[in-house]
N, C-alpha and C. Protein backbone atom coordinates (compact mmCIF):
# COMPACT_ATOMS: atom_id res chain seq x y z
N MET A 1 0.85 -1.19 0.00
CA MET A 1 0.00 0.00 0.00
C MET A 1 0.89 1.24 0.00
N PHE A 2 0.42 2.24 -0.68
CA PHE A 2 1.18 3.48 -0.77
C PHE A 2 1.14 4.23 0.56
N ARG A 3 2.20 4.97 0.85
CA ARG A 3 2.30 5.73 2.09
C ARG A 3 1.76 7.14 1.88
N LEU A 4 0.47 7.21 1.56
CA LEU A 4 -0.15 8.49 1.23
C LEU A 4 -0.16 9.44 2.42
N ASP A 5 -0.46 8.94 3.61
CA ASP A 5 -0.53 9.82 4.77
C ASP A 5 0.83 10.41 5.11
N GLN A 6 1.91 9.65 4.92
CA GLN A 6 3.25 10.18 5.19
C GLN A 6 3.63 11.25 4.17
N ILE A 7 3.26 11.03 2.91
CA ILE A 7 3.56 12.01 1.86
C ILE A 7 2.80 13.30 2.13
N LEU A 8 1.53 13.17 2.49
CA LEU A 8 0.74 14.36 2.78
C LEU A 8 1.26 15.10 4.01
N HIS A 9 1.77 14.36 4.98
CA HIS A 9 2.36 15.00 6.15
C HIS A 9 3.62 15.77 5.75
N GLU A 10 4.44 15.19 4.89
CA GLU A 10 5.65 15.89 4.42
C GLU A 10 5.28 17.14 3.63
N LEU A 11 4.26 17.03 2.80
CA LEU A 11 3.82 18.20 2.03
C LEU A 11 3.23 19.28 2.94
N ASN A 12 2.60 18.86 4.00
CA ASN A 12 2.02 19.81 4.94
C ASN A 12 3.12 20.58 5.69
N ILE A 13 4.24 19.94 5.92
CA ILE A 13 5.36 20.60 6.61
C ILE A 13 6.00 21.66 5.72
N CYS A 14 6.03 21.40 4.41
CA CYS A 14 6.68 22.33 3.48
C CYS A 14 5.96 23.67 3.47
N GLU A 15 6.72 24.73 3.62
CA GLU A 15 6.19 26.08 3.57
C GLU A 15 6.60 26.74 2.26
N PRO A 16 5.76 27.57 1.69
CA PRO A 16 6.17 28.27 0.47
C PRO A 16 7.26 29.28 0.78
N TYR A 17 8.08 29.57 -0.21
CA TYR A 17 9.16 30.53 -0.04
C TYR A 17 8.58 31.93 0.04
N LYS A 18 8.99 32.67 1.04
CA LYS A 18 8.56 34.06 1.18
C LYS A 18 9.76 34.95 0.95
N PRO A 19 9.69 35.80 -0.06
CA PRO A 19 10.82 36.71 -0.29
C PRO A 19 11.03 37.61 0.92
N SER A 20 12.26 38.04 1.07
CA SER A 20 12.56 38.87 2.24
C SER A 20 11.87 40.22 2.11
N ALA A 21 10.97 40.49 3.01
CA ALA A 21 10.26 41.76 3.02
C ALA A 21 10.85 42.70 4.06
N THR A 22 11.85 42.23 4.77
CA THR A 22 12.46 43.06 5.79
C THR A 22 13.38 44.09 5.15
N THR A 23 13.55 45.17 5.83
CA THR A 23 14.44 46.21 5.33
C THR A 23 15.87 45.86 5.71
N THR A 24 16.78 46.23 4.87
CA THR A 24 18.18 45.97 5.13
C THR A 24 18.73 46.98 6.13
N ARG A 25 19.94 46.75 6.57
CA ARG A 25 20.57 47.65 7.53
C ARG A 25 20.75 49.04 6.91
N HIS A 26 21.10 49.07 5.64
CA HIS A 26 21.28 50.34 4.94
C HIS A 26 19.96 51.09 4.81
N GLU A 27 18.88 50.38 4.50
CA GLU A 27 17.57 51.03 4.40
C GLU A 27 17.11 51.57 5.74
N ARG A 28 17.36 50.80 6.82
CA ARG A 28 16.99 51.30 8.15
C ARG A 28 17.78 52.56 8.49
N PHE A 29 19.06 52.59 8.12
CA PHE A 29 19.87 53.79 8.38
C PHE A 29 19.33 54.98 7.60
N ILE A 30 18.98 54.76 6.34
CA ILE A 30 18.42 55.85 5.52
C ILE A 30 17.12 56.35 6.12
N ASN A 31 16.25 55.44 6.56
CA ASN A 31 14.97 55.84 7.16
C ASN A 31 15.18 56.61 8.47
N LYS A 32 16.11 56.15 9.31
CA LYS A 32 16.39 56.86 10.55
C LYS A 32 16.98 58.24 10.28
N LEU A 33 17.90 58.31 9.33
CA LEU A 33 18.51 59.60 8.98
C LEU A 33 17.46 60.55 8.42
N SER A 34 16.59 60.05 7.58
CA SER A 34 15.54 60.88 7.01
C SER A 34 14.57 61.37 8.10
N GLY A 35 14.20 60.47 9.00
CA GLY A 35 13.33 60.88 10.11
C GLY A 35 13.99 61.89 11.02
N GLY A 36 15.29 61.70 11.29
CA GLY A 36 16.02 62.66 12.12
C GLY A 36 16.10 64.03 11.47
N LEU A 37 16.35 64.05 10.16
CA LEU A 37 16.40 65.33 9.46
C LEU A 37 15.04 66.02 9.44
N LEU A 38 13.97 65.25 9.31
CA LEU A 38 12.64 65.85 9.39
C LEU A 38 12.36 66.39 10.79
N LEU A 39 12.83 65.69 11.80
CA LEU A 39 12.67 66.16 13.17
C LEU A 39 13.45 67.46 13.37
N PHE A 40 14.69 67.51 12.89
CA PHE A 40 15.46 68.75 12.98
C PHE A 40 14.77 69.88 12.23
N SER A 41 14.22 69.58 11.09
CA SER A 41 13.51 70.60 10.33
C SER A 41 12.31 71.14 11.12
N GLY A 42 11.60 70.23 11.79
CA GLY A 42 10.48 70.68 12.62
C GLY A 42 10.93 71.53 13.79
N VAL A 43 12.04 71.16 14.42
CA VAL A 43 12.57 71.94 15.54
C VAL A 43 13.01 73.31 15.06
N PHE A 44 13.72 73.36 13.93
CA PHE A 44 14.14 74.65 13.38
C PHE A 44 12.94 75.51 13.02
N PHE A 45 11.89 74.88 12.51
CA PHE A 45 10.68 75.64 12.17
C PHE A 45 10.02 76.21 13.42
N LEU A 46 9.96 75.41 14.48
CA LEU A 46 9.38 75.91 15.73
C LEU A 46 10.21 77.05 16.31
N LEU A 47 11.52 76.93 16.25
CA LEU A 47 12.38 78.03 16.70
C LEU A 47 12.16 79.28 15.86
N LEU A 48 12.01 79.08 14.58
CA LEU A 48 11.75 80.22 13.68
C LEU A 48 10.39 80.84 13.99
N LEU A 49 9.41 80.03 14.32
CA LEU A 49 8.10 80.53 14.68
C LEU A 49 8.15 81.31 15.98
N CYS A 50 8.88 80.80 16.97
CA CYS A 50 9.05 81.52 18.24
C CYS A 50 9.77 82.85 18.01
N LEU A 51 10.77 82.82 17.14
CA LEU A 51 11.49 84.05 16.83
C LEU A 51 10.59 85.07 16.14
N ALA A 52 9.71 84.57 15.25
CA ALA A 52 8.79 85.47 14.57
C ALA A 52 7.79 86.07 15.57
N LEU A 53 7.31 85.27 16.51
CA LEU A 53 6.41 85.80 17.53
C LEU A 53 7.11 86.82 18.42
N TRP A 54 8.37 86.55 18.76
CA TRP A 54 9.13 87.48 19.59
C TRP A 54 9.36 88.79 18.85
N CYS A 55 9.62 88.69 17.53
CA CYS A 55 9.85 89.90 16.73
C CYS A 55 8.57 90.71 16.57
N GLY A 56 7.42 90.09 16.79
CA GLY A 56 6.17 90.83 16.72
C GLY A 56 6.00 91.80 17.87
N PHE A 57 6.66 91.53 18.98
CA PHE A 57 6.54 92.39 20.16
C PHE A 57 7.77 93.26 20.39
N HIS A 58 8.87 92.93 19.80
CA HIS A 58 10.11 93.67 19.98
C HIS A 58 10.69 94.07 18.63
N GLN A 59 11.52 95.07 18.64
CA GLN A 59 12.19 95.50 17.42
C GLN A 59 13.42 94.60 17.22
N PRO A 60 13.47 93.82 16.10
CA PRO A 60 14.61 92.90 15.91
C PRO A 60 15.86 93.66 15.48
N GLY A 61 16.99 93.19 15.97
CA GLY A 61 18.26 93.75 15.55
C GLY A 61 18.82 92.99 14.36
N GLN A 62 20.01 93.39 13.95
CA GLN A 62 20.64 92.76 12.79
C GLN A 62 21.00 91.31 13.08
N LYS A 63 21.43 91.02 14.32
CA LYS A 63 21.80 89.65 14.67
C LYS A 63 20.57 88.73 14.70
N ILE A 64 19.44 89.25 15.12
CA ILE A 64 18.20 88.46 15.14
C ILE A 64 17.76 88.14 13.72
N LEU A 65 17.86 89.09 12.82
CA LEU A 65 17.50 88.84 11.42
C LEU A 65 18.44 87.80 10.79
N TRP A 66 19.73 87.90 11.14
CA TRP A 66 20.70 86.92 10.64
C TRP A 66 20.36 85.53 11.19
N LEU A 67 20.00 85.44 12.49
CA LEU A 67 19.62 84.17 13.09
C LEU A 67 18.37 83.59 12.42
N ALA A 68 17.42 84.45 12.08
CA ALA A 68 16.20 84.00 11.41
C ALA A 68 16.53 83.43 10.03
N GLN A 69 17.44 84.05 9.32
CA GLN A 69 17.82 83.55 8.00
C GLN A 69 18.54 82.20 8.11
N VAL A 70 19.41 82.07 9.09
CA VAL A 70 20.12 80.81 9.29
C VAL A 70 19.14 79.70 9.64
N LEU A 71 18.18 79.98 10.54
CA LEU A 71 17.18 78.98 10.91
C LEU A 71 16.32 78.59 9.72
N TYR A 72 15.98 79.56 8.88
CA TYR A 72 15.18 79.28 7.69
C TYR A 72 15.94 78.38 6.73
N ILE A 73 17.22 78.68 6.51
CA ILE A 73 18.03 77.87 5.59
C ILE A 73 18.20 76.45 6.15
N LEU A 74 18.47 76.32 7.44
CA LEU A 74 18.63 75.00 8.04
C LEU A 74 17.33 74.20 7.98
N CYS A 75 16.22 74.87 8.23
CA CYS A 75 14.91 74.20 8.18
C CYS A 75 14.63 73.68 6.78
N THR A 76 14.86 74.51 5.79
CA THR A 76 14.57 74.13 4.40
C THR A 76 15.52 73.04 3.91
N LEU A 77 16.81 73.21 4.18
CA LEU A 77 17.77 72.21 3.70
C LEU A 77 17.55 70.85 4.35
N SER A 78 17.32 70.83 5.65
CA SER A 78 17.12 69.53 6.29
C SER A 78 15.85 68.85 5.80
N ALA A 79 14.80 69.61 5.52
CA ALA A 79 13.57 69.00 4.99
C ALA A 79 13.77 68.47 3.58
N VAL A 80 14.47 69.23 2.75
CA VAL A 80 14.69 68.79 1.37
C VAL A 80 15.59 67.56 1.33
N ILE A 81 16.65 67.56 2.14
CA ILE A 81 17.54 66.39 2.17
C ILE A 81 16.79 65.18 2.70
N ALA A 82 15.95 65.37 3.72
CA ALA A 82 15.18 64.24 4.28
C ALA A 82 14.22 63.65 3.26
N LEU A 83 13.68 64.47 2.41
CA LEU A 83 12.74 63.96 1.42
C LEU A 83 13.44 63.31 0.23
N PHE A 84 14.65 63.76 -0.09
CA PHE A 84 15.35 63.21 -1.23
C PHE A 84 16.18 61.96 -0.91
N LEU A 85 16.55 61.75 0.35
CA LEU A 85 17.37 60.58 0.70
C LEU A 85 16.71 59.25 0.33
N PRO A 86 15.45 58.98 0.71
CA PRO A 86 14.85 57.69 0.31
C PRO A 86 14.70 57.56 -1.21
N ALA A 87 14.44 58.67 -1.88
CA ALA A 87 14.30 58.61 -3.34
C ALA A 87 15.64 58.27 -4.00
N LEU A 88 16.71 58.84 -3.50
CA LEU A 88 18.03 58.53 -4.05
C LEU A 88 18.42 57.08 -3.76
N HIS A 89 18.05 56.60 -2.59
CA HIS A 89 18.32 55.19 -2.28
C HIS A 89 17.52 54.27 -3.21
N GLY A 90 16.27 54.62 -3.48
CA GLY A 90 15.45 53.85 -4.41
C GLY A 90 16.02 53.87 -5.81
N LEU A 91 16.58 54.99 -6.20
CA LEU A 91 17.22 55.09 -7.51
C LEU A 91 18.43 54.17 -7.59
N GLY A 92 19.17 54.10 -6.51
CA GLY A 92 20.31 53.17 -6.47
C GLY A 92 19.87 51.73 -6.55
N GLN A 93 18.73 51.42 -5.94
CA GLN A 93 18.21 50.04 -6.01
C GLN A 93 17.75 49.70 -7.42
N LEU A 94 17.31 50.68 -8.18
CA LEU A 94 16.92 50.40 -9.56
C LEU A 94 18.09 49.89 -10.38
N PHE A 95 19.28 50.37 -10.07
CA PHE A 95 20.46 49.91 -10.81
C PHE A 95 20.94 48.55 -10.34
N ARG A 96 20.53 48.13 -9.13
CA ARG A 96 20.95 46.84 -8.59
C ARG A 96 19.83 45.80 -8.64
N TRP A 97 18.76 46.05 -9.34
CA TRP A 97 17.61 45.15 -9.30
C TRP A 97 17.94 43.76 -9.85
N LYS A 98 18.76 43.72 -10.88
CA LYS A 98 19.07 42.43 -11.50
C LYS A 98 19.83 41.53 -10.53
N LYS A 99 20.80 42.09 -9.84
CA LYS A 99 21.59 41.33 -8.88
C LYS A 99 20.70 40.83 -7.73
N GLU A 100 19.83 41.69 -7.23
CA GLU A 100 18.95 41.31 -6.13
C GLU A 100 17.91 40.28 -6.57
N ALA A 101 17.40 40.41 -7.78
CA ALA A 101 16.42 39.45 -8.29
C ALA A 101 17.06 38.08 -8.48
N MET A 102 18.29 38.06 -8.97
CA MET A 102 18.97 36.78 -9.14
C MET A 102 19.26 36.11 -7.79
N ALA A 103 19.63 36.91 -6.80
CA ALA A 103 19.89 36.35 -5.47
C ALA A 103 18.60 35.76 -4.89
N GLU A 104 17.48 36.45 -5.05
CA GLU A 104 16.19 35.94 -4.57
C GLU A 104 15.81 34.65 -5.30
N LEU A 105 16.09 34.60 -6.60
CA LEU A 105 15.78 33.39 -7.38
C LEU A 105 16.61 32.20 -6.89
N VAL A 106 17.88 32.43 -6.60
CA VAL A 106 18.74 31.36 -6.10
C VAL A 106 18.23 30.87 -4.74
N TYR A 107 17.84 31.80 -3.86
CA TYR A 107 17.30 31.41 -2.55
C TYR A 107 16.02 30.60 -2.71
N GLU A 108 15.16 31.01 -3.65
CA GLU A 108 13.90 30.30 -3.87
C GLU A 108 14.16 28.89 -4.41
N ILE A 109 15.09 28.75 -5.35
CA ILE A 109 15.41 27.43 -5.89
C ILE A 109 15.99 26.54 -4.80
N ASP A 110 16.86 27.08 -3.97
CA ASP A 110 17.45 26.31 -2.88
C ASP A 110 16.37 25.85 -1.90
N HIS A 111 15.43 26.73 -1.61
CA HIS A 111 14.33 26.38 -0.70
C HIS A 111 13.48 25.25 -1.30
N ASP A 112 13.18 25.36 -2.60
CA ASP A 112 12.38 24.32 -3.25
C ASP A 112 13.13 22.99 -3.34
N GLU A 113 14.44 23.05 -3.53
CA GLU A 113 15.22 21.81 -3.59
C GLU A 113 15.24 21.10 -2.24
N THR A 114 15.34 21.86 -1.16
CA THR A 114 15.31 21.22 0.16
C THR A 114 13.94 20.62 0.44
N ALA A 115 12.88 21.30 -0.02
CA ALA A 115 11.54 20.74 0.16
C ALA A 115 11.36 19.47 -0.67
N ALA A 116 11.90 19.48 -1.88
CA ALA A 116 11.81 18.28 -2.73
C ALA A 116 12.67 17.15 -2.17
N GLY A 117 13.74 17.49 -1.49
CA GLY A 117 14.60 16.47 -0.90
C GLY A 117 13.89 15.68 0.18
N ARG A 118 12.91 16.28 0.82
CA ARG A 118 12.13 15.56 1.84
C ARG A 118 11.27 14.45 1.21
N LEU A 119 10.96 14.61 -0.07
CA LEU A 119 10.12 13.61 -0.75
C LEU A 119 10.95 12.55 -1.46
N SER A 120 12.26 12.64 -1.40
CA SER A 120 13.10 11.68 -2.12
C SER A 120 12.99 10.24 -1.61
N PRO A 121 12.66 9.96 -0.35
CA PRO A 121 12.54 8.55 0.06
C PRO A 121 11.36 7.82 -0.56
N TYR A 122 10.44 8.53 -1.15
CA TYR A 122 9.24 7.90 -1.70
C TYR A 122 9.45 7.60 -3.18
N SER A 123 8.80 6.54 -3.63
CA SER A 123 8.95 6.15 -5.04
C SER A 123 8.11 7.07 -5.92
N ARG A 124 8.42 7.01 -7.20
CA ARG A 124 7.69 7.84 -8.16
C ARG A 124 6.21 7.47 -8.20
N GLN A 125 5.92 6.16 -8.08
CA GLN A 125 4.52 5.70 -8.08
C GLN A 125 3.76 6.29 -6.90
N GLU A 126 4.39 6.29 -5.73
CA GLU A 126 3.72 6.83 -4.54
C GLU A 126 3.45 8.32 -4.68
N LEU A 127 4.41 9.03 -5.25
CA LEU A 127 4.23 10.47 -5.43
C LEU A 127 3.15 10.77 -6.47
N GLU A 128 3.10 9.99 -7.54
CA GLU A 128 2.05 10.19 -8.54
C GLU A 128 0.67 9.85 -7.97
N TYR A 129 0.62 8.85 -7.11
CA TYR A 129 -0.64 8.49 -6.46
C TYR A 129 -1.12 9.64 -5.57
N ALA A 130 -0.20 10.22 -4.81
CA ALA A 130 -0.56 11.36 -3.95
C ALA A 130 -0.96 12.56 -4.79
N GLN A 131 -0.27 12.76 -5.90
CA GLN A 131 -0.61 13.87 -6.79
C GLN A 131 -2.01 13.68 -7.37
N PHE A 132 -2.34 12.46 -7.75
CA PHE A 132 -3.67 12.17 -8.29
C PHE A 132 -4.75 12.53 -7.28
N TRP A 133 -4.59 12.12 -6.03
CA TRP A 133 -5.61 12.39 -5.02
C TRP A 133 -5.67 13.85 -4.63
N LEU A 134 -4.55 14.53 -4.66
CA LEU A 134 -4.57 15.97 -4.39
C LEU A 134 -5.30 16.72 -5.50
N ARG A 135 -5.08 16.31 -6.74
CA ARG A 135 -5.80 16.95 -7.85
C ARG A 135 -7.29 16.65 -7.79
N GLN A 136 -7.63 15.42 -7.43
CA GLN A 136 -9.05 15.07 -7.31
C GLN A 136 -9.73 15.90 -6.23
N LYS A 137 -9.03 16.08 -5.15
CA LYS A 137 -9.60 16.82 -4.02
C LYS A 137 -9.75 18.31 -4.35
N ASN A 138 -8.84 18.87 -5.13
CA ASN A 138 -8.83 20.29 -5.41
C ASN A 138 -9.61 20.68 -6.65
N GLN A 139 -10.05 19.69 -7.45
CA GLN A 139 -10.84 20.01 -8.63
C GLN A 139 -12.27 20.31 -8.21
N PRO A 140 -12.87 21.37 -8.77
CA PRO A 140 -14.28 21.62 -8.45
C PRO A 140 -15.16 20.56 -9.12
N PRO A 141 -16.27 20.25 -8.53
CA PRO A 141 -17.16 19.27 -9.15
C PRO A 141 -17.71 19.80 -10.47
N ALA A 142 -18.10 18.90 -11.33
CA ALA A 142 -18.62 19.30 -12.64
C ALA A 142 -19.87 20.16 -12.46
N GLY A 143 -19.92 21.23 -13.20
CA GLY A 143 -21.07 22.13 -13.11
C GLY A 143 -20.94 23.18 -12.03
N ALA A 144 -19.86 23.13 -11.27
CA ALA A 144 -19.67 24.15 -10.23
C ALA A 144 -18.82 25.29 -10.78
N GLY A 145 -18.82 26.38 -10.11
CA GLY A 145 -17.99 27.50 -10.51
C GLY A 145 -18.79 28.53 -11.27
N TRP A 146 -18.10 29.46 -11.86
CA TRP A 146 -18.75 30.59 -12.51
C TRP A 146 -19.45 30.19 -13.79
N GLN A 147 -19.05 29.07 -14.43
CA GLN A 147 -19.69 28.66 -15.69
C GLN A 147 -21.15 28.29 -15.46
N ARG A 148 -21.50 27.87 -14.25
CA ARG A 148 -22.85 27.47 -13.96
C ARG A 148 -23.82 28.65 -14.06
N PHE A 149 -23.34 29.87 -13.89
CA PHE A 149 -24.21 31.04 -13.86
C PHE A 149 -24.33 31.73 -15.20
N ARG A 150 -23.86 31.15 -16.27
CA ARG A 150 -23.95 31.78 -17.60
C ARG A 150 -25.35 31.85 -18.08
């Protein structure tokens, strides 16, 4: 008798390959740097706002106007750099897509080979028998499905 239950148990253990959806160390650094620059931009903007409110009640001197210009430049530059960093990193990834795609393909093939290696103790007849019953189980009955509603 074929060892159908053992084959199905082995197939049940096998998990499909999931590509890495985690961010790399470099991407995490870019995201942290971008967030930090946006935070600095917000702090500089709040300081500039406080300075503008203070200037509403007092006559600003030349040094205060110079400080306001410096805060404005720092606020703008840090915001622009924070917004362009992830885009530049994405542009760099566009040039490396082929290398990354090939690495993912190799990992996927290796994963599938190890899963297939678990089925190597079984004969071809046993595997075809299990395949037949899996197809029978997964086929919809005749007349079922969307064709029935035509």
